[in-house]
Amino acid sequence: MQLKLSVMTISTIGLLFLSACSGNQATNPASSPAASAPAETQPSTSGSPAVSAAKSASGKNHGGQGGQVVESGAYHLELVTGKETSGTHLDLFLQKGDNHEAIPNAKVTAQVQLPDGSQKSLDMKYDAGEKHYTAMLPGAAAGDYKVAVLSDINGEKVNGRFSFKQ
């Protein structure tokens, strides 16, 4: 009887410990390995209005646009996609530091792998009013898209990988 009670006590303590550890990952997604995997973004009807809607929905004005995020050193890259009738609008927020200061002078290219496996390269232009880079991906093929964003910030390479589904 004593042995059974000891085994049950140790098992209960072990389960409590495991649940406490897994609870920490749920409240701190940065410590989870899945945090580095890109999430899918929900398509919206328009690019810039989608950005404005994402800003208000997120309640943050320091980089939280509601898109997929990649942190690369001191840089914050966030991709927001918006489905339109002529294609998909890509908005990239390229920011630096804890205060997520916009970087207006980078050379940014999005290399997109379409669902059929073909590739498109898009030069992203800076929108000074919205403080982010934009590009339009023509076409609307259904499936999974992979995006590699290549940024050159005064000679420093800052890249991020994203994906989305249409």
N, C-alpha and C. Protein backbone atom coordinates (compact mmCIF):
# COMPACT_ATOMS: atom_id res chain seq x y z
N MET A 1 0.82 -1.18 0.00
CA MET A 1 0.00 0.00 0.00
C MET A 1 0.87 1.26 0.00
N GLN A 2 1.92 1.27 0.81
CA GLN A 2 2.83 2.41 0.90
C GLN A 2 3.51 2.65 -0.44
N LEU A 3 3.90 1.59 -1.14
CA LEU A 3 4.55 1.70 -2.43
C LEU A 3 3.60 2.31 -3.46
N LYS A 4 2.33 1.87 -3.44
CA LYS A 4 1.34 2.40 -4.37
C LYS A 4 1.14 3.90 -4.14
N LEU A 5 1.06 4.31 -2.89
CA LEU A 5 0.88 5.72 -2.55
C LEU A 5 2.09 6.55 -3.01
N SER A 6 3.28 6.03 -2.86
CA SER A 6 4.49 6.74 -3.28
C SER A 6 4.53 6.90 -4.80
N VAL A 7 4.17 5.83 -5.51
CA VAL A 7 4.17 5.89 -6.97
C VAL A 7 3.13 6.90 -7.44
N MET A 8 1.96 6.91 -6.85
CA MET A 8 0.91 7.85 -7.25
C MET A 8 1.33 9.30 -6.94
N THR A 9 1.98 9.52 -5.82
CA THR A 9 2.43 10.86 -5.45
C THR A 9 3.48 11.36 -6.43
N ILE A 10 4.45 10.51 -6.75
CA ILE A 10 5.51 10.89 -7.68
C ILE A 10 4.91 11.15 -9.07
N SER A 11 3.99 10.30 -9.50
CA SER A 11 3.34 10.48 -10.81
C SER A 11 2.57 11.79 -10.87
N THR A 12 1.85 12.10 -9.80
CA THR A 12 1.07 13.34 -9.76
C THR A 12 1.98 14.56 -9.81
N ILE A 13 3.07 14.52 -9.06
CA ILE A 13 4.03 15.63 -9.07
C ILE A 13 4.64 15.77 -10.46
N GLY A 14 4.96 14.66 -11.10
CA GLY A 14 5.53 14.70 -12.45
C GLY A 14 4.56 15.30 -13.46
N LEU A 15 3.28 14.91 -13.37
CA LEU A 15 2.27 15.47 -14.27
C LEU A 15 2.08 16.97 -14.03
N LEU A 16 2.08 17.38 -12.77
CA LEU A 16 1.96 18.80 -12.47
C LEU A 16 3.14 19.58 -13.04
N PHE A 17 4.32 19.01 -12.93
CA PHE A 17 5.52 19.66 -13.46
C PHE A 17 5.42 19.79 -14.97
N LEU A 18 5.02 18.71 -15.66
CA LEU A 18 4.89 18.75 -17.11
C LEU A 18 3.84 19.75 -17.56
N SER A 19 2.71 19.79 -16.88
CA SER A 19 1.67 20.74 -17.28
C SER A 19 2.12 22.17 -17.01
N ALA A 20 2.90 22.39 -15.97
CA ALA A 20 3.42 23.74 -15.71
C ALA A 20 4.39 24.16 -16.81
N CYS A 21 5.22 23.23 -17.27
CA CYS A 21 6.17 23.55 -18.34
C CYS A 21 5.45 23.83 -19.65
N SER A 22 4.46 23.01 -19.98
CA SER A 22 3.74 23.24 -21.24
C SER A 22 2.89 24.49 -21.14
N GLY A 23 2.41 24.86 -19.98
CA GLY A 23 1.65 26.10 -19.80
C GLY A 23 2.52 27.30 -20.06
N ASN A 24 3.80 27.24 -19.75
CA ASN A 24 4.73 28.34 -20.00
C ASN A 24 4.88 28.58 -21.49
N GLN A 25 4.92 27.52 -22.30
CA GLN A 25 5.05 27.71 -23.74
C GLN A 25 3.81 28.35 -24.32
N ALA A 26 2.64 28.03 -23.77
CA ALA A 26 1.42 28.61 -24.31
C ALA A 26 1.35 30.10 -24.03
N THR A 27 1.87 30.54 -22.88
CA THR A 27 1.82 31.96 -22.56
C THR A 27 3.00 32.72 -23.13
N ASN A 28 4.06 32.01 -23.51
CA ASN A 28 5.23 32.65 -24.08
C ASN A 28 5.55 31.97 -25.41
N PRO A 29 4.83 32.32 -26.50
CA PRO A 29 5.04 31.63 -27.76
C PRO A 29 6.44 31.77 -28.32
N ALA A 30 7.20 32.76 -27.90
CA ALA A 30 8.56 32.91 -28.41
C ALA A 30 9.44 31.75 -27.98
N SER A 31 9.10 31.07 -26.86
CA SER A 31 9.91 29.95 -26.41
C SER A 31 9.52 28.66 -27.11
N SER A 32 8.44 28.66 -27.87
CA SER A 32 7.98 27.48 -28.56
C SER A 32 8.69 27.34 -29.90
N PRO A 33 9.08 26.12 -30.28
CA PRO A 33 9.71 25.94 -31.57
C PRO A 33 8.78 26.32 -32.73
N ALA A 34 7.49 26.19 -32.54
CA ALA A 34 6.53 26.53 -33.59
C ALA A 34 6.46 28.03 -33.84
N ALA A 35 6.99 28.84 -32.92
CA ALA A 35 6.92 30.29 -33.08
C ALA A 35 7.72 30.76 -34.28
N SER A 36 8.76 30.01 -34.67
CA SER A 36 9.56 30.44 -35.80
C SER A 36 8.96 30.01 -37.14
N ALA A 37 7.99 29.09 -37.11
CA ALA A 37 7.35 28.66 -38.35
C ALA A 37 6.37 29.73 -38.80
N PRO A 38 6.32 30.01 -40.10
CA PRO A 38 5.42 31.05 -40.57
C PRO A 38 3.97 30.63 -40.43
N ALA A 39 3.14 31.57 -40.08
CA ALA A 39 1.71 31.32 -39.99
C ALA A 39 1.05 31.72 -41.28
N GLU A 40 -0.16 31.22 -41.50
CA GLU A 40 -0.88 31.63 -42.69
C GLU A 40 -1.64 32.89 -42.40
N THR A 41 -1.67 33.78 -43.37
CA THR A 41 -2.45 34.99 -43.19
C THR A 41 -3.80 34.82 -43.85
N GLN A 42 -4.78 35.50 -43.34
CA GLN A 42 -6.10 35.45 -43.93
C GLN A 42 -6.19 36.46 -45.04
N PRO A 43 -6.63 36.05 -46.22
CA PRO A 43 -6.77 37.01 -47.30
C PRO A 43 -7.84 38.03 -46.99
N SER A 44 -7.65 39.23 -47.47
CA SER A 44 -8.65 40.27 -47.30
C SER A 44 -8.95 40.86 -48.66
N THR A 45 -9.83 41.81 -48.71
CA THR A 45 -10.27 42.32 -50.00
C THR A 45 -9.34 43.37 -50.57
N SER A 46 -8.48 43.98 -49.77
CA SER A 46 -7.64 45.05 -50.29
C SER A 46 -6.36 45.15 -49.50
N GLY A 47 -5.30 45.69 -50.14
CA GLY A 47 -4.00 45.79 -49.50
C GLY A 47 -3.94 46.83 -48.41
N SER A 48 -3.99 48.11 -48.77
CA SER A 48 -3.83 49.16 -47.77
C SER A 48 -4.96 49.19 -46.75
N PRO A 49 -6.24 49.02 -47.13
CA PRO A 49 -7.27 48.94 -46.11
C PRO A 49 -7.07 47.74 -45.20
N ALA A 50 -6.51 46.65 -45.74
CA ALA A 50 -6.24 45.49 -44.89
C ALA A 50 -5.21 45.84 -43.84
N VAL A 51 -4.22 46.63 -44.23
CA VAL A 51 -3.20 47.05 -43.29
C VAL A 51 -3.82 47.91 -42.21
N SER A 52 -4.66 48.86 -42.61
CA SER A 52 -5.32 49.72 -41.63
C SER A 52 -6.20 48.90 -40.71
N ALA A 53 -6.93 47.94 -41.26
CA ALA A 53 -7.78 47.09 -40.43
C ALA A 53 -6.95 46.25 -39.49
N ALA A 54 -5.80 45.74 -39.98
CA ALA A 54 -4.93 44.94 -39.12
C ALA A 54 -4.36 45.78 -38.00
N LYS A 55 -4.04 47.04 -38.29
CA LYS A 55 -3.52 47.93 -37.25
C LYS A 55 -4.55 48.13 -36.16
N SER A 56 -5.79 48.41 -36.54
CA SER A 56 -6.80 48.68 -35.53
C SER A 56 -7.19 47.40 -34.81
N ALA A 57 -7.19 46.26 -35.51
CA ALA A 57 -7.57 45.00 -34.87
C ALA A 57 -6.50 44.54 -33.88
N SER A 58 -5.24 44.83 -34.17
CA SER A 58 -4.18 44.36 -33.29
C SER A 58 -4.06 45.24 -32.05
N GLY A 59 -4.50 46.47 -32.14
CA GLY A 59 -4.41 47.37 -31.00
C GLY A 59 -2.99 47.86 -30.76
N LYS A 60 -2.09 47.60 -31.68
CA LYS A 60 -0.70 48.01 -31.49
C LYS A 60 -0.32 48.93 -32.63
N ASN A 61 0.58 49.86 -32.36
CA ASN A 61 1.08 50.71 -33.43
C ASN A 61 2.59 50.63 -33.53
N HIS A 62 3.17 49.63 -32.90
CA HIS A 62 4.62 49.49 -32.93
C HIS A 62 5.04 48.17 -33.58
N GLY A 63 4.48 47.88 -34.74
CA GLY A 63 4.91 46.71 -35.48
C GLY A 63 3.90 45.60 -35.51
N GLY A 64 2.89 45.59 -34.68
CA GLY A 64 1.90 44.53 -34.68
C GLY A 64 0.84 44.79 -35.72
N GLN A 65 1.06 44.32 -36.95
CA GLN A 65 0.13 44.58 -38.05
C GLN A 65 -0.82 43.42 -38.29
N GLY A 66 -0.68 42.35 -37.53
CA GLY A 66 -1.55 41.20 -37.71
C GLY A 66 -1.06 40.23 -38.77
N GLY A 67 0.15 40.41 -39.26
CA GLY A 67 0.70 39.52 -40.28
C GLY A 67 1.67 38.51 -39.70
N GLN A 68 2.38 37.84 -40.59
CA GLN A 68 3.41 36.89 -40.18
C GLN A 68 4.67 37.66 -39.83
N VAL A 69 5.32 37.26 -38.75
CA VAL A 69 6.48 37.99 -38.24
C VAL A 69 7.72 37.12 -38.27
N VAL A 70 8.82 37.73 -38.72
CA VAL A 70 10.14 37.12 -38.61
C VAL A 70 11.04 38.15 -37.93
N GLU A 71 11.67 37.75 -36.84
CA GLU A 71 12.64 38.59 -36.16
C GLU A 71 14.02 38.14 -36.62
N SER A 72 14.81 39.07 -37.13
CA SER A 72 16.15 38.76 -37.61
C SER A 72 17.12 39.75 -36.98
N GLY A 73 17.76 39.32 -35.90
CA GLY A 73 18.66 40.22 -35.16
C GLY A 73 17.86 41.39 -34.62
N ALA A 74 18.29 42.61 -34.94
CA ALA A 74 17.60 43.81 -34.47
C ALA A 74 16.42 44.18 -35.36
N TYR A 75 16.15 43.38 -36.40
CA TYR A 75 15.13 43.73 -37.37
C TYR A 75 13.84 42.93 -37.19
N HIS A 76 12.74 43.57 -37.51
CA HIS A 76 11.39 43.00 -37.44
C HIS A 76 10.82 43.05 -38.85
N LEU A 77 10.51 41.89 -39.43
CA LEU A 77 9.89 41.81 -40.75
C LEU A 77 8.49 41.24 -40.55
N GLU A 78 7.50 41.91 -41.11
CA GLU A 78 6.13 41.45 -40.97
C GLU A 78 5.43 41.54 -42.32
N LEU A 79 4.90 40.41 -42.78
CA LEU A 79 4.23 40.34 -44.08
C LEU A 79 2.73 40.22 -43.88
N VAL A 80 1.99 41.13 -44.53
CA VAL A 80 0.53 41.10 -44.54
C VAL A 80 0.11 40.95 -46.00
N THR A 81 -0.75 39.95 -46.28
CA THR A 81 -1.22 39.74 -47.63
C THR A 81 -2.70 40.10 -47.73
N GLY A 82 -3.10 40.58 -48.88
CA GLY A 82 -4.50 40.93 -49.10
C GLY A 82 -4.92 40.54 -50.51
N LYS A 83 -5.95 39.70 -50.60
CA LYS A 83 -6.44 39.26 -51.90
C LYS A 83 -7.26 40.36 -52.56
N GLU A 84 -6.98 40.61 -53.82
CA GLU A 84 -7.72 41.58 -54.62
C GLU A 84 -8.18 40.91 -55.90
N THR A 85 -9.00 41.58 -56.67
CA THR A 85 -9.51 40.98 -57.90
C THR A 85 -8.39 40.72 -58.91
N SER A 86 -7.38 41.57 -58.95
CA SER A 86 -6.30 41.42 -59.93
C SER A 86 -5.13 40.60 -59.41
N GLY A 87 -5.15 40.19 -58.15
CA GLY A 87 -4.04 39.41 -57.59
C GLY A 87 -3.99 39.52 -56.09
N THR A 88 -2.79 39.46 -55.56
CA THR A 88 -2.59 39.53 -54.12
C THR A 88 -1.66 40.70 -53.80
N HIS A 89 -2.10 41.55 -52.90
CA HIS A 89 -1.31 42.71 -52.46
C HIS A 89 -0.41 42.25 -51.32
N LEU A 90 0.88 42.52 -51.42
CA LEU A 90 1.85 42.17 -50.38
C LEU A 90 2.31 43.44 -49.69
N ASP A 91 2.21 43.48 -48.37
CA ASP A 91 2.68 44.60 -47.57
C ASP A 91 3.74 44.07 -46.62
N LEU A 92 4.94 44.65 -46.68
CA LEU A 92 6.03 44.23 -45.80
C LEU A 92 6.41 45.39 -44.90
N PHE A 93 6.35 45.16 -43.61
CA PHE A 93 6.79 46.14 -42.62
C PHE A 93 8.20 45.74 -42.22
N LEU A 94 9.16 46.56 -42.62
CA LEU A 94 10.57 46.35 -42.31
C LEU A 94 10.95 47.38 -41.27
N GLN A 95 11.24 46.90 -40.05
CA GLN A 95 11.43 47.81 -38.93
C GLN A 95 12.65 47.40 -38.12
N LYS A 96 13.14 48.34 -37.32
CA LYS A 96 14.33 48.09 -36.52
C LYS A 96 14.10 48.49 -35.08
N GLY A 97 14.73 47.74 -34.17
CA GLY A 97 14.74 48.10 -32.76
C GLY A 97 13.48 47.70 -32.01
N ASP A 98 13.52 47.92 -30.70
CA ASP A 98 12.39 47.59 -29.84
C ASP A 98 11.18 48.46 -30.13
N ASN A 99 11.42 49.67 -30.63
CA ASN A 99 10.30 50.57 -30.92
C ASN A 99 9.78 50.40 -32.35
N HIS A 100 10.35 49.44 -33.09
CA HIS A 100 9.92 49.10 -34.46
C HIS A 100 9.86 50.33 -35.36
N GLU A 101 11.00 50.96 -35.49
CA GLU A 101 11.15 52.14 -36.34
C GLU A 101 11.22 51.71 -37.80
N ALA A 102 10.40 52.32 -38.66
CA ALA A 102 10.36 51.96 -40.09
C ALA A 102 11.69 52.28 -40.76
N ILE A 103 12.08 51.43 -41.71
CA ILE A 103 13.31 51.60 -42.47
C ILE A 103 12.92 51.94 -43.91
N PRO A 104 13.03 53.22 -44.30
CA PRO A 104 12.54 53.63 -45.62
C PRO A 104 13.52 53.47 -46.77
N ASN A 105 14.78 53.20 -46.51
CA ASN A 105 15.79 53.26 -47.57
C ASN A 105 16.39 51.91 -47.94
N ALA A 106 15.65 50.83 -47.76
CA ALA A 106 16.16 49.50 -48.10
C ALA A 106 15.78 49.12 -49.53
N LYS A 107 16.54 48.19 -50.08
CA LYS A 107 16.18 47.60 -51.37
C LYS A 107 15.55 46.25 -51.02
N VAL A 108 14.26 46.10 -51.37
CA VAL A 108 13.51 44.92 -50.95
C VAL A 108 12.94 44.19 -52.18
N THR A 109 13.17 42.88 -52.21
CA THR A 109 12.65 42.03 -53.28
C THR A 109 11.91 40.87 -52.64
N ALA A 110 10.74 40.53 -53.20
CA ALA A 110 10.00 39.35 -52.76
C ALA A 110 10.11 38.30 -53.86
N GLN A 111 10.66 37.15 -53.51
CA GLN A 111 10.72 36.03 -54.44
C GLN A 111 9.61 35.08 -54.05
N VAL A 112 8.62 34.93 -54.93
CA VAL A 112 7.42 34.17 -54.62
C VAL A 112 7.41 32.87 -55.41
N GLN A 113 7.19 31.76 -54.70
CA GLN A 113 6.98 30.48 -55.36
C GLN A 113 5.48 30.25 -55.41
N LEU A 114 4.95 30.16 -56.63
CA LEU A 114 3.52 29.97 -56.85
C LEU A 114 3.13 28.52 -56.60
N PRO A 115 1.83 28.25 -56.45
CA PRO A 115 1.39 26.88 -56.19
C PRO A 115 1.83 25.87 -57.25
N ASP A 116 2.01 26.31 -58.50
CA ASP A 116 2.45 25.39 -59.55
C ASP A 116 3.96 25.17 -59.56
N GLY A 117 4.68 25.83 -58.62
CA GLY A 117 6.13 25.65 -58.52
C GLY A 117 6.93 26.71 -59.25
N SER A 118 6.28 27.51 -60.09
CA SER A 118 7.00 28.57 -60.79
C SER A 118 7.35 29.71 -59.83
N GLN A 119 8.29 30.55 -60.24
CA GLN A 119 8.79 31.63 -59.40
C GLN A 119 8.48 32.99 -60.01
N LYS A 120 8.21 33.96 -59.15
CA LYS A 120 8.07 35.36 -59.57
C LYS A 120 8.92 36.20 -58.64
N SER A 121 9.62 37.18 -59.21
CA SER A 121 10.41 38.12 -58.41
C SER A 121 9.74 39.48 -58.49
N LEU A 122 9.46 40.07 -57.34
CA LEU A 122 8.76 41.36 -57.27
C LEU A 122 9.61 42.37 -56.52
N ASP A 123 9.86 43.53 -57.14
CA ASP A 123 10.52 44.62 -56.43
C ASP A 123 9.46 45.29 -55.56
N MET A 124 9.76 45.46 -54.29
CA MET A 124 8.81 46.09 -53.37
C MET A 124 9.19 47.56 -53.21
N LYS A 125 8.21 48.43 -53.37
CA LYS A 125 8.41 49.88 -53.28
C LYS A 125 7.96 50.38 -51.92
N TYR A 126 8.64 51.41 -51.41
CA TYR A 126 8.32 51.96 -50.10
C TYR A 126 7.16 52.95 -50.22
N ASP A 127 6.16 52.78 -49.38
CA ASP A 127 5.02 53.70 -49.28
C ASP A 127 5.26 54.56 -48.05
N ALA A 128 5.69 55.81 -48.26
CA ALA A 128 6.06 56.69 -47.15
C ALA A 128 4.88 57.00 -46.24
N GLY A 129 3.68 57.10 -46.79
CA GLY A 129 2.50 57.40 -45.98
C GLY A 129 2.15 56.28 -45.01
N GLU A 130 2.25 55.05 -45.49
CA GLU A 130 1.91 53.88 -44.66
C GLU A 130 3.14 53.30 -43.95
N LYS A 131 4.33 53.76 -44.33
CA LYS A 131 5.60 53.33 -43.73
C LYS A 131 5.85 51.83 -43.88
N HIS A 132 5.63 51.33 -45.10
CA HIS A 132 5.94 49.93 -45.39
C HIS A 132 6.17 49.75 -46.88
N TYR A 133 6.66 48.57 -47.25
CA TYR A 133 6.95 48.23 -48.64
C TYR A 133 5.77 47.47 -49.23
N THR A 134 5.49 47.72 -50.51
CA THR A 134 4.34 47.09 -51.15
C THR A 134 4.72 46.52 -52.51
N ALA A 135 3.93 45.51 -52.92
CA ALA A 135 4.04 44.94 -54.26
C ALA A 135 2.73 44.23 -54.55
N MET A 136 2.43 44.08 -55.84
CA MET A 136 1.23 43.36 -56.27
C MET A 136 1.67 42.09 -56.98
N LEU A 137 1.16 40.95 -56.50
CA LEU A 137 1.41 39.66 -57.14
C LEU A 137 0.22 39.37 -58.05
N PRO A 138 0.43 39.43 -59.37
CA PRO A 138 -0.70 39.22 -60.28
C PRO A 138 -1.16 37.76 -60.27
N GLY A 139 -2.44 37.55 -60.61
CA GLY A 139 -3.00 36.21 -60.67
C GLY A 139 -3.62 35.80 -59.35
N ALA A 140 -4.38 34.73 -59.41
CA ALA A 140 -5.08 34.29 -58.20
C ALA A 140 -5.21 32.78 -58.15
N ALA A 141 -4.15 32.05 -58.48
CA ALA A 141 -4.19 30.60 -58.44
C ALA A 141 -4.39 30.11 -57.01
N ALA A 142 -5.24 29.12 -56.84
CA ALA A 142 -5.48 28.56 -55.52
C ALA A 142 -4.30 27.69 -55.11
N GLY A 143 -3.97 27.72 -53.82
CA GLY A 143 -2.90 26.87 -53.31
C GLY A 143 -1.98 27.59 -52.34
N ASP A 144 -0.85 26.95 -52.07
CA ASP A 144 0.13 27.47 -51.12
C ASP A 144 1.19 28.29 -51.84
N TYR A 145 1.49 29.45 -51.27
CA TYR A 145 2.52 30.34 -51.80
C TYR A 145 3.63 30.44 -50.77
N LYS A 146 4.87 30.45 -51.25
CA LYS A 146 6.03 30.65 -50.38
C LYS A 146 6.71 31.94 -50.81
N VAL A 147 7.07 32.76 -49.83
CA VAL A 147 7.66 34.06 -50.13
C VAL A 147 8.99 34.19 -49.38
N ALA A 148 10.04 34.50 -50.12
CA ALA A 148 11.33 34.82 -49.52
C ALA A 148 11.54 36.32 -49.74
N VAL A 149 11.64 37.06 -48.65
CA VAL A 149 11.87 38.50 -48.73
C VAL A 149 13.36 38.74 -48.55
N LEU A 150 13.97 39.40 -49.54
CA LEU A 150 15.39 39.70 -49.51
C LEU A 150 15.55 41.21 -49.38
N SER A 151 16.16 41.65 -48.29
CA SER A 151 16.32 43.08 -48.02
C SER A 151 17.80 43.43 -47.93
N ASP A 152 18.14 44.56 -48.50
CA ASP A 152 19.48 45.10 -48.40
C ASP A 152 19.35 46.48 -47.73
N ILE A 153 19.82 46.55 -46.49
CA ILE A 153 19.73 47.79 -45.71
C ILE A 153 21.14 48.34 -45.57
N ASN A 154 21.48 49.30 -46.43
CA ASN A 154 22.82 49.89 -46.42
C ASN A 154 23.92 48.83 -46.43
N GLY A 155 23.77 47.82 -47.29
CA GLY A 155 24.77 46.77 -47.43
C GLY A 155 24.56 45.59 -46.50
N GLU A 156 23.67 45.69 -45.54
CA GLU A 156 23.39 44.58 -44.62
C GLU A 156 22.21 43.78 -45.15
N LYS A 157 22.41 42.46 -45.28
CA LYS A 157 21.36 41.58 -45.80
C LYS A 157 20.45 41.14 -44.65
N VAL A 158 19.15 41.38 -44.82
CA VAL A 158 18.16 40.96 -43.84
C VAL A 158 17.05 40.25 -44.61
N ASN A 159 16.88 38.96 -44.35
CA ASN A 159 15.95 38.14 -45.13
C ASN A 159 14.93 37.47 -44.22
N GLY A 160 13.80 37.12 -44.80
CA GLY A 160 12.76 36.41 -44.06
C GLY A 160 11.98 35.52 -45.00
N ARG A 161 11.45 34.43 -44.46
CA ARG A 161 10.62 33.49 -45.24
C ARG A 161 9.21 33.47 -44.68
N PHE A 162 8.24 33.47 -45.59
CA PHE A 162 6.84 33.52 -45.22
C PHE A 162 6.07 32.57 -46.12
N SER A 163 4.82 32.30 -45.78
CA SER A 163 3.94 31.52 -46.65
C SER A 163 2.51 31.97 -46.43
N PHE A 164 1.69 31.78 -47.45
CA PHE A 164 0.26 32.04 -47.32
C PHE A 164 -0.50 31.14 -48.28
N LYS A 165 -1.79 31.04 -48.05
CA LYS A 165 -2.65 30.16 -48.84
C LYS A 165 -3.78 30.97 -49.45
N GLN A 166 -4.13 30.66 -50.68
CA GLN A 166 -5.28 31.32 -51.34
C GLN A 166 -6.31 30.27 -51.66
